[in-house]
Amino acid sequence: MSYLHYHFPDEINAFSTCRDGGVGEGAYASFNCTHYCGDNPEHVLANRHRLCADWQILDGRLILPRQVHGVKVAVVDDAFLAHPSAKREAMIDGVDALISPLSDVCLAISTADCVPLLLYDARNRVVSAIHAGWRGTVARIASLTLRQMNALYGTRGADVQAVIGPSISVEAFEVGDEVYDAFWQAGFPMGQIARRCAKWHIDLWEANRLQLLDEGVLPHLIDVAGVCTWHHSDRFFSARRLGLHSGRILSAIMRRSVG
């Protein structure tokens, strides 16, 4: 099984990659499609070719930023696509969330324990892919992205369907006091998102779900995959299990053209 599929309206393709079915080796075995995590570039390219063939993604229409655990959001529109590939890569260097109103453009982000979020505004036909590590979650990147979608395209939370993809669970995400303090100082409801065992554990799924709810996304339109990358590192890449020099899950969303 190379992909975890998500249930969106028929015009939407949304998925996360699994580890199997590619050509990578070692900690990159085998279906890593991310180019900035130290993998053999030829293996990454071969895996990307397979992914694009499987999902009928046109050349130059797979958009994957180099993420930095920040809150910068980029818009993929006609003006963006008009630039040469080198310019486009520079424009999404340091970006952690993508928004697009276009059809046949596949927005993707990479994770290996961090939280991937995929959003679709069905009324305005706008898609988004968000990378939310703990730093991005503290900085409320999900909320910021939805607010930018609203400012640019009139997106309302009630029109948004969302998926929170495979990522580290609260049981596995043990953190130091400084991480707990960062969430507390940012105003998160610690009784809902934190547990104390030997150390603090933070529920990144819930912390991001609460942001979606705060922006008006309806509870029944938020799908939490509930798959822990740390516990299931045989199926999904986990940096905590495999090390930083390992593969990445690619989570993506694309609105297909109609007719």
C-alpha atoms as a PDB file:
ATOM      1  CA  MET A   1       0.000   0.000   0.000  1.00  0.00           C
ATOM      2  CA  SER A   2       1.821   3.120  -1.218  1.00  0.00           C
ATOM      3  CA  TYR A   3      -0.855   5.653  -0.274  1.00  0.00           C
ATOM      4  CA  LEU A   4      -3.301   6.511   2.462  1.00  0.00           C
ATOM      5  CA  HIS A   5      -6.354   7.972   0.703  1.00  0.00           C
ATOM      6  CA  TYR A   6      -8.638  10.624   2.207  1.00  0.00           C
ATOM      7  CA  HIS A   7     -12.342  11.073   1.570  1.00  0.00           C
ATOM      8  CA  PHE A   8     -13.036  14.432  -0.058  1.00  0.00           C
ATOM      9  CA  PRO A   9     -15.527  15.429  -2.774  1.00  0.00           C
ATOM     10  CA  ASP A  10     -15.005  13.617  -6.080  1.00  0.00           C
ATOM     11  CA  GLU A  11     -13.048  16.472  -7.672  1.00  0.00           C
ATOM     12  CA  ILE A  12     -10.350  16.244  -4.985  1.00  0.00           C
ATOM     13  CA  ASN A  13      -7.385  13.883  -4.797  1.00  0.00           C
ATOM     14  CA  ALA A  14      -5.890  13.861  -1.296  1.00  0.00           C
ATOM     15  CA  PHE A  15      -3.413  11.364   0.097  1.00  0.00           C
ATOM     16  CA  SER A  16      -0.325  10.650   2.180  1.00  0.00           C
ATOM     17  CA  THR A  17       2.447   8.382   0.970  1.00  0.00           C
ATOM     18  CA  CYS A  18       3.391   5.220   2.812  1.00  0.00           C
ATOM     19  CA  ARG A  19       6.916   3.807   2.960  1.00  0.00           C
ATOM     20  CA  ASP A  20       6.530   0.917   0.513  1.00  0.00           C
ATOM     21  CA  GLY A  21       6.625   0.743  -3.260  1.00  0.00           C
ATOM     22  CA  GLY A  22       9.665   2.898  -4.081  1.00  0.00           C
ATOM     23  CA  VAL A  23      13.356   2.503  -4.823  1.00  0.00           C
ATOM     24  CA  GLY A  24      14.950   4.075  -1.720  1.00  0.00           C
ATOM     25  CA  GLU A  25      17.271   2.194   0.614  1.00  0.00           C
ATOM     26  CA  GLY A  26      18.066   2.063   4.319  1.00  0.00           C
ATOM     27  CA  ALA A  27      16.283   4.732   6.374  1.00  0.00           C
ATOM     28  CA  TYR A  28      14.870   6.060   3.070  1.00  0.00           C
ATOM     29  CA  ALA A  29      13.286   2.732   2.131  1.00  0.00           C
ATOM     30  CA  SER A  30      11.559   2.954  -0.008  1.00  0.00           C
ATOM     31  CA  PHE A  31       9.082   5.586  -1.228  1.00  0.00           C
ATOM     32  CA  ASN A  32      10.648   8.907  -0.205  1.00  0.00           C
ATOM     33  CA  CYS A  33       9.695  11.768  -2.544  1.00  0.00           C
ATOM     34  CA  THR A  34      11.375  14.606  -0.629  1.00  0.00           C
ATOM     35  CA  HIS A  35      14.580  16.068  -2.010  1.00  0.00           C
ATOM     36  CA  TYR A  36      16.029  17.896   1.005  1.00  0.00           C
ATOM     37  CA  CYS A  37      16.384  15.125   3.611  1.00  0.00           C
ATOM     38  CA  GLY A  38      19.632  13.577   2.356  1.00  0.00           C
ATOM     39  CA  ASP A  39      18.321  10.821   0.083  1.00  0.00           C
ATOM     40  CA  ASN A  40      19.902   9.769  -3.217  1.00  0.00           C
ATOM     41  CA  PRO A  41      18.570  12.352  -5.740  1.00  0.00           C
ATOM     42  CA  GLU A  42      18.101   9.677  -8.406  1.00  0.00           C
ATOM     43  CA  HIS A  43      15.934   7.633  -6.043  1.00  0.00           C
ATOM     44  CA  VAL A  44      13.871  10.704  -5.128  1.00  0.00           C
ATOM     45  CA  LEU A  45      13.358  11.542  -8.798  1.00  0.00           C
ATOM     46  CA  ALA A  46      12.296   7.983  -9.627  1.00  0.00           C
ATOM     47  CA  ASN A  47       9.817   7.983  -6.748  1.00  0.00           C
ATOM     48  CA  ARG A  48       8.415  11.350  -7.820  1.00  0.00           C
ATOM     49  CA  HIS A  49       7.939  10.072 -11.355  1.00  0.00           C
ATOM     50  CA  ARG A  50       5.940   7.162  -9.978  1.00  0.00           C
ATOM     51  CA  LEU A  51       3.851   9.424  -7.737  1.00  0.00           C
ATOM     52  CA  CYS A  52       3.049  11.800 -10.605  1.00  0.00           C
ATOM     53  CA  ALA A  53       2.115   8.884 -12.857  1.00  0.00           C
ATOM     54  CA  ASP A  54      -0.107   7.323 -10.192  1.00  0.00           C
ATOM     55  CA  TRP A  55      -2.022  10.582  -9.593  1.00  0.00           C
ATOM     56  CA  GLN A  56      -1.813  11.999 -13.133  1.00  0.00           C
ATOM     57  CA  ILE A  57       0.077  15.081 -11.975  1.00  0.00           C
ATOM     58  CA  LEU A  58       1.336  17.100 -14.920  1.00  0.00           C
ATOM     59  CA  ASP A  59       4.973  18.100 -15.273  1.00  0.00           C
ATOM     60  CA  GLY A  60       5.786  21.074 -13.056  1.00  0.00           C
ATOM     61  CA  ARG A  61       2.491  20.816 -11.169  1.00  0.00           C
ATOM     62  CA  LEU A  62       3.787  19.031  -8.051  1.00  0.00           C
ATOM     63  CA  ILE A  63       4.566  21.886  -5.646  1.00  0.00           C
ATOM     64  CA  LEU A  64       6.689  20.912  -2.637  1.00  0.00           C
ATOM     65  CA  PRO A  65       8.319  23.643  -0.518  1.00  0.00           C
ATOM     66  CA  ARG A  66      11.433  23.410   1.626  1.00  0.00           C
ATOM     67  CA  GLN A  67       9.912  23.793   5.064  1.00  0.00           C
ATOM     68  CA  VAL A  68      11.591  25.484   8.041  1.00  0.00           C
ATOM     69  CA  HIS A  69       9.077  25.065  10.914  1.00  0.00           C
ATOM     70  CA  GLY A  70       7.905  28.629  10.369  1.00  0.00           C
ATOM     71  CA  VAL A  71       4.577  30.213   9.456  1.00  0.00           C
ATOM     72  CA  LYS A  72       5.221  31.555   5.960  1.00  0.00           C
ATOM     73  CA  VAL A  73       2.373  30.832   3.543  1.00  0.00           C
ATOM     74  CA  ALA A  74       2.754  30.888  -0.253  1.00  0.00           C
ATOM     75  CA  VAL A  75       0.040  31.161  -2.890  1.00  0.00           C
ATOM     76  CA  VAL A  76       0.298  28.998  -6.000  1.00  0.00           C
ATOM     77  CA  ASP A  77      -1.588  30.894  -8.689  1.00  0.00           C
ATOM     78  CA  ASP A  78      -1.144  31.636 -12.381  1.00  0.00           C
ATOM     79  CA  ALA A  79       1.485  34.280 -11.628  1.00  0.00           C
ATOM     80  CA  PHE A  80       3.500  31.752  -9.601  1.00  0.00           C
ATOM     81  CA  LEU A  81       3.315  29.108 -12.336  1.00  0.00           C
ATOM     82  CA  ALA A  82       4.444  31.630 -14.959  1.00  0.00           C
ATOM     83  CA  HIS A  83       7.909  31.808 -13.380  1.00  0.00           C
ATOM     84  CA  PRO A  84      10.722  29.468 -14.430  1.00  0.00           C
ATOM     85  CA  SER A  85      11.236  26.436 -12.191  1.00  0.00           C
ATOM     86  CA  ALA A  86      14.312  27.853 -10.430  1.00  0.00           C
ATOM     87  CA  LYS A  87      12.433  31.024  -9.527  1.00  0.00           C
ATOM     88  CA  ARG A  88       9.449  29.023  -8.292  1.00  0.00           C
ATOM     89  CA  GLU A  89      11.694  26.893  -6.060  1.00  0.00           C
ATOM     90  CA  ALA A  90      13.201  30.047  -4.561  1.00  0.00           C
ATOM     91  CA  MET A  91       9.721  31.457  -3.912  1.00  0.00           C
ATOM     92  CA  ILE A  92       8.727  28.432  -1.810  1.00  0.00           C
ATOM     93  CA  ASP A  93      12.031  28.052   0.019  1.00  0.00           C
ATOM     94  CA  GLY A  94      11.274  28.555   3.707  1.00  0.00           C
ATOM     95  CA  VAL A  95       7.515  28.071   3.250  1.00  0.00           C
ATOM     96  CA  ASP A  96       5.405  25.834   5.501  1.00  0.00           C
ATOM     97  CA  ALA A  97       1.940  26.206   3.977  1.00  0.00           C
ATOM     98  CA  LEU A  98       0.588  26.426   0.448  1.00  0.00           C
ATOM     99  CA  ILE A  99      -2.724  27.728  -0.909  1.00  0.00           C
ATOM    100  CA  SER A 100      -4.047  27.427  -4.454  1.00  0.00           C
ATOM    101  CA  PRO A 101      -7.264  28.277  -6.303  1.00  0.00           C
ATOM    102  CA  LEU A 102      -6.094  26.362  -9.381  1.00  0.00           C
ATOM    103  CA  SER A 103      -7.116  22.974 -10.697  1.00  0.00           C
ATOM    104  CA  ASP A 104      -4.563  20.283 -11.576  1.00  0.00           C
ATOM    105  CA  VAL A 105      -1.970  21.705  -9.171  1.00  0.00           C
ATOM    106  CA  CYS A 106      -0.842  19.282  -6.490  1.00  0.00           C
ATOM    107  CA  LEU A 107       0.118  21.018  -3.236  1.00  0.00           C
ATOM    108  CA  ALA A 108       2.356  18.850  -1.063  1.00  0.00           C
ATOM    109  CA  ILE A 109       4.207  19.047   2.217  1.00  0.00           C
ATOM    110  CA  SER A 110       6.701  16.673   3.860  1.00  0.00           C
ATOM    111  CA  THR A 111       6.521  15.278   7.367  1.00  0.00           C
ATOM    112  CA  ALA A 112       8.069  12.552   9.504  1.00  0.00           C
ATOM    113  CA  ASP A 113       6.246  12.993  12.855  1.00  0.00           C
ATOM    114  CA  CYS A 114       5.078  16.592  12.304  1.00  0.00           C
ATOM    115  CA  VAL A 115       1.414  17.146  11.477  1.00  0.00           C
ATOM    116  CA  PRO A 116       0.233  17.435   7.861  1.00  0.00           C
ATOM    117  CA  LEU A 117      -3.064  19.252   7.307  1.00  0.00           C
ATOM    118  CA  LEU A 118      -4.982  19.228   4.031  1.00  0.00           C
ATOM    119  CA  LEU A 119      -7.855  21.678   3.526  1.00  0.00           C
ATOM    120  CA  TYR A 120     -10.519  22.166   0.864  1.00  0.00           C
ATOM    121  CA  ASP A 121     -12.859  25.147   0.644  1.00  0.00           C
ATOM    122  CA  ALA A 122     -15.663  23.613  -1.401  1.00  0.00           C
ATOM    123  CA  ARG A 123     -17.529  26.894  -1.952  1.00  0.00           C
ATOM    124  CA  ASN A 124     -14.572  28.771  -3.430  1.00  0.00           C
ATOM    125  CA  ARG A 125     -12.739  25.658  -4.671  1.00  0.00           C
ATOM    126  CA  VAL A 126      -9.461  26.491  -2.923  1.00  0.00           C
ATOM    127  CA  VAL A 127      -7.047  23.900  -1.543  1.00  0.00           C
ATOM    128  CA  SER A 128      -4.274  24.124   1.035  1.00  0.00           C
ATOM    129  CA  ALA A 129      -1.495  21.936   2.431  1.00  0.00           C
ATOM    130  CA  ILE A 130       0.065  22.825   5.793  1.00  0.00           C
ATOM    131  CA  HIS A 131       3.120  21.576   7.688  1.00  0.00           C
ATOM    132  CA  ALA A 132       2.605  21.923  11.445  1.00  0.00           C
ATOM    133  CA  GLY A 133       5.467  20.783  13.628  1.00  0.00           C
ATOM    134  CA  TRP A 134       5.250  21.716  17.286  1.00  0.00           C
ATOM    135  CA  ARG A 135       6.708  25.164  16.575  1.00  0.00           C
ATOM    136  CA  GLY A 136       4.261  25.784  13.752  1.00  0.00           C
ATOM    137  CA  THR A 137       1.436  24.529  15.912  1.00  0.00           C
ATOM    138  CA  VAL A 138       2.397  26.900  18.745  1.00  0.00           C
ATOM    139  CA  ALA A 139       2.468  29.746  16.215  1.00  0.00           C
ATOM    140  CA  ARG A 140      -0.993  28.651  14.960  1.00  0.00           C
ATOM    141  CA  ILE A 141      -0.049  28.082  11.335  1.00  0.00           C
ATOM    142  CA  ALA A 142      -3.389  26.369  10.668  1.00  0.00           C
ATOM    143  CA  SER A 143      -5.306  29.433  11.831  1.00  0.00           C
ATOM    144  CA  LEU A 144      -3.019  31.786   9.911  1.00  0.00           C
ATOM    145  CA  THR A 145      -3.473  29.801   6.710  1.00  0.00           C
ATOM    146  CA  LEU A 146      -7.254  29.804   6.996  1.00  0.00           C
ATOM    147  CA  ARG A 147      -7.238  33.541   7.625  1.00  0.00           C
ATOM    148  CA  GLN A 148      -5.131  34.087   4.513  1.00  0.00           C
ATOM    149  CA  MET A 149      -7.529  31.924   2.523  1.00  0.00           C
ATOM    150  CA  ASN A 150     -10.340  34.132   3.815  1.00  0.00           C
ATOM    151  CA  ALA A 151      -8.520  37.359   2.943  1.00  0.00           C
ATOM    152  CA  LEU A 152      -7.651  36.201  -0.576  1.00  0.00           C
ATOM    153  CA  TYR A 153     -10.624  34.070  -1.588  1.00  0.00           C
ATOM    154  CA  GLY A 154     -13.377  34.633   0.963  1.00  0.00           C
ATOM    155  CA  THR A 155     -12.969  31.221   2.598  1.00  0.00           C
ATOM    156  CA  ARG A 156     -15.264  30.611   5.556  1.00  0.00           C
ATOM    157  CA  GLY A 157     -14.511  27.913   8.087  1.00  0.00           C
ATOM    158  CA  ALA A 158     -17.954  26.360   7.634  1.00  0.00           C
ATOM    159  CA  ASP A 159     -17.139  25.632   3.972  1.00  0.00           C
ATOM    160  CA  VAL A 160     -13.842  23.851   4.742  1.00  0.00           C
ATOM    161  CA  GLN A 161     -13.195  20.132   4.929  1.00  0.00           C
ATOM    162  CA  ALA A 162      -9.945  19.184   6.675  1.00  0.00           C
ATOM    163  CA  VAL A 163      -7.712  16.171   7.241  1.00  0.00           C
ATOM    164  CA  ILE A 164      -5.044  15.800   9.928  1.00  0.00           C
ATOM    165  CA  GLY A 165      -2.730  13.146   8.557  1.00  0.00           C
ATOM    166  CA  PRO A 166      -0.262  10.607   9.985  1.00  0.00           C
ATOM    167  CA  SER A 167       1.980  12.166  12.634  1.00  0.00           C
ATOM    168  CA  ILE A 168       3.219  11.553  16.142  1.00  0.00           C
ATOM    169  CA  SER A 169       0.573  10.754  18.752  1.00  0.00           C
ATOM    170  CA  VAL A 170       0.279  12.208  22.233  1.00  0.00           C
ATOM    171  CA  GLU A 171       1.440   8.875  23.678  1.00  0.00           C
ATOM    172  CA  ALA A 172       4.701   9.057  21.731  1.00  0.00           C
ATOM    173  CA  PHE A 173       5.324  12.824  21.766  1.00  0.00           C
ATOM    174  CA  GLU A 174       7.271  13.255  24.995  1.00  0.00           C
ATOM    175  CA  VAL A 175       8.612  16.801  25.410  1.00  0.00           C
ATOM    176  CA  GLY A 176      10.641  18.904  27.802  1.00  0.00           C
ATOM    177  CA  ASP A 177       9.206  21.589  30.062  1.00  0.00           C
ATOM    178  CA  GLU A 178      10.219  24.283  27.571  1.00  0.00           C
ATOM    179  CA  VAL A 179       7.846  22.874  24.943  1.00  0.00           C
ATOM    180  CA  TYR A 180       5.000  22.645  27.446  1.00  0.00           C
ATOM    181  CA  ASP A 181       5.711  26.235  28.499  1.00  0.00           C
ATOM    182  CA  ALA A 182       5.644  27.409  24.868  1.00  0.00           C
ATOM    183  CA  PHE A 183       2.119  26.023  24.396  1.00  0.00           C
ATOM    184  CA  TRP A 184       0.978  27.377  27.766  1.00  0.00           C
ATOM    185  CA  GLN A 185       2.351  30.857  27.045  1.00  0.00           C
ATOM    186  CA  ALA A 186       0.645  30.803  23.633  1.00  0.00           C
ATOM    187  CA  GLY A 187      -2.704  30.328  25.348  1.00  0.00           C
ATOM    188  CA  PHE A 188      -3.494  26.712  24.466  1.00  0.00           C
ATOM    189  CA  PRO A 189      -5.881  24.850  26.826  1.00  0.00           C
ATOM    190  CA  MET A 190      -3.272  22.643  28.481  1.00  0.00           C
ATOM    191  CA  GLY A 191      -5.890  20.480  30.171  1.00  0.00           C
ATOM    192  CA  GLN A 192      -6.995  19.367  26.696  1.00  0.00           C
ATOM    193  CA  ILE A 193      -3.694  19.000  24.889  1.00  0.00           C
ATOM    194  CA  ALA A 194      -1.150  17.954  27.564  1.00  0.00           C
ATOM    195  CA  ARG A 195      -0.612  14.896  29.738  1.00  0.00           C
ATOM    196  CA  ARG A 196       1.962  14.334  32.446  1.00  0.00           C
ATOM    197  CA  CYS A 197       3.723  10.968  32.598  1.00  0.00           C
ATOM    198  CA  ALA A 198       7.437  10.782  33.415  1.00  0.00           C
ATOM    199  CA  LYS A 199       7.573  13.933  31.262  1.00  0.00           C
ATOM    200  CA  TRP A 200       5.001  16.082  29.518  1.00  0.00           C
ATOM    201  CA  HIS A 201       3.271  14.767  26.402  1.00  0.00           C
ATOM    202  CA  ILE A 202       1.593  17.123  23.910  1.00  0.00           C
ATOM    203  CA  ASP A 203      -1.356  16.211  21.674  1.00  0.00           C
ATOM    204  CA  LEU A 204      -0.513  17.902  18.369  1.00  0.00           C
ATOM    205  CA  TRP A 205      -3.596  16.441  16.696  1.00  0.00           C
ATOM    206  CA  GLU A 206      -5.883  18.123  19.197  1.00  0.00           C
ATOM    207  CA  ALA A 207      -3.897  21.370  19.227  1.00  0.00           C
ATOM    208  CA  ASN A 208      -4.377  21.672  15.468  1.00  0.00           C
ATOM    209  CA  ARG A 209      -7.991  20.480  15.539  1.00  0.00           C
ATOM    210  CA  LEU A 210      -8.794  23.227  18.051  1.00  0.00           C
ATOM    211  CA  GLN A 211      -7.324  25.837  15.688  1.00  0.00           C
ATOM    212  CA  LEU A 212      -9.577  24.610  12.886  1.00  0.00           C
ATOM    213  CA  LEU A 213     -12.588  24.783  15.178  1.00  0.00           C
ATOM    214  CA  ASP A 214     -11.624  28.296  16.282  1.00  0.00           C
ATOM    215  CA  GLU A 215     -11.709  29.366  12.622  1.00  0.00           C
ATOM    216  CA  GLY A 216     -15.203  27.967  12.145  1.00  0.00           C
ATOM    217  CA  VAL A 217     -14.475  24.557  10.613  1.00  0.00           C
ATOM    218  CA  LEU A 218     -17.294  22.219  11.614  1.00  0.00           C
ATOM    219  CA  PRO A 219     -16.324  19.260  13.845  1.00  0.00           C
ATOM    220  CA  HIS A 220     -17.774  16.617  11.531  1.00  0.00           C
ATOM    221  CA  LEU A 221     -15.711  18.005   8.628  1.00  0.00           C
ATOM    222  CA  ILE A 222     -12.386  17.440  10.420  1.00  0.00           C
ATOM    223  CA  ASP A 223     -10.982  13.970   9.821  1.00  0.00           C
ATOM    224  CA  VAL A 224      -8.149  12.963  12.163  1.00  0.00           C
ATOM    225  CA  ALA A 225      -6.373   9.993  10.572  1.00  0.00           C
ATOM    226  CA  GLY A 226      -5.299   8.773  14.020  1.00  0.00           C
ATOM    227  CA  VAL A 227      -2.139   7.118  12.685  1.00  0.00           C
ATOM    228  CA  CYS A 228       0.970   7.533  14.854  1.00  0.00           C
ATOM    229  CA  THR A 229       4.155   7.652  12.808  1.00  0.00           C
ATOM    230  CA  TRP A 230       6.325   6.648  15.793  1.00  0.00           C
ATOM    231  CA  HIS A 231       4.266   3.550  16.546  1.00  0.00           C
ATOM    232  CA  HIS A 232       3.898   2.672  12.855  1.00  0.00           C
ATOM    233  CA  SER A 233       7.359   3.521  11.531  1.00  0.00           C
ATOM    234  CA  ASP A 234       7.221   0.327   9.468  1.00  0.00           C
ATOM    235  CA  ARG A 235       4.498   1.976   7.340  1.00  0.00           C
ATOM    236  CA  PHE A 236       5.286   5.689   7.704  1.00  0.00           C
ATOM    237  CA  PHE A 237       8.560   7.571   8.096  1.00  0.00           C
ATOM    238  CA  SER A 238       9.341   8.744  11.645  1.00  0.00           C
ATOM    239  CA  ALA A 239      12.321  10.980  12.340  1.00  0.00           C
ATOM    240  CA  ARG A 240      12.200  10.109  16.039  1.00  0.00           C
ATOM    241  CA  ARG A 241      12.494   6.415  15.190  1.00  0.00           C
ATOM    242  CA  LEU A 242      14.719   6.532  12.104  1.00  0.00           C
ATOM    243  CA  GLY A 243      16.746   9.710  12.674  1.00  0.00           C
ATOM    244  CA  LEU A 244      16.711  13.013  10.806  1.00  0.00           C
ATOM    245  CA  HIS A 245      18.547  11.437   7.869  1.00  0.00           C
ATOM    246  CA  SER A 246      15.578   9.370   6.782  1.00  0.00           C
ATOM    247  CA  GLY A 247      12.638   9.576   4.422  1.00  0.00           C
ATOM    248  CA  ARG A 248       9.584  11.798   4.642  1.00  0.00           C
ATOM    249  CA  ILE A 249       5.873  11.252   4.186  1.00  0.00           C
ATOM    250  CA  LEU A 250       4.435  13.374   1.400  1.00  0.00           C
ATOM    251  CA  SER A 251       0.868  14.579   2.032  1.00  0.00           C
ATOM    252  CA  ALA A 252      -0.850  16.269  -0.876  1.00  0.00           C
ATOM    253  CA  ILE A 253      -4.104  17.666  -2.189  1.00  0.00           C
ATOM    254  CA  MET A 254      -5.156  18.501  -5.750  1.00  0.00           C
ATOM    255  CA  ARG A 255      -8.414  19.661  -7.307  1.00  0.00           C
ATOM    256  CA  ARG A 256      -8.913  17.991 -10.648  1.00  0.00           C
ATOM    257  CA  SER A 257     -10.270  19.917 -13.617  1.00  0.00           C
ATOM    258  CA  VAL A 258     -13.830  18.982 -14.549  1.00  0.00           C
ATOM    259  CA  GLY A 259     -14.737  17.831 -18.026  1.00  0.00           C
END
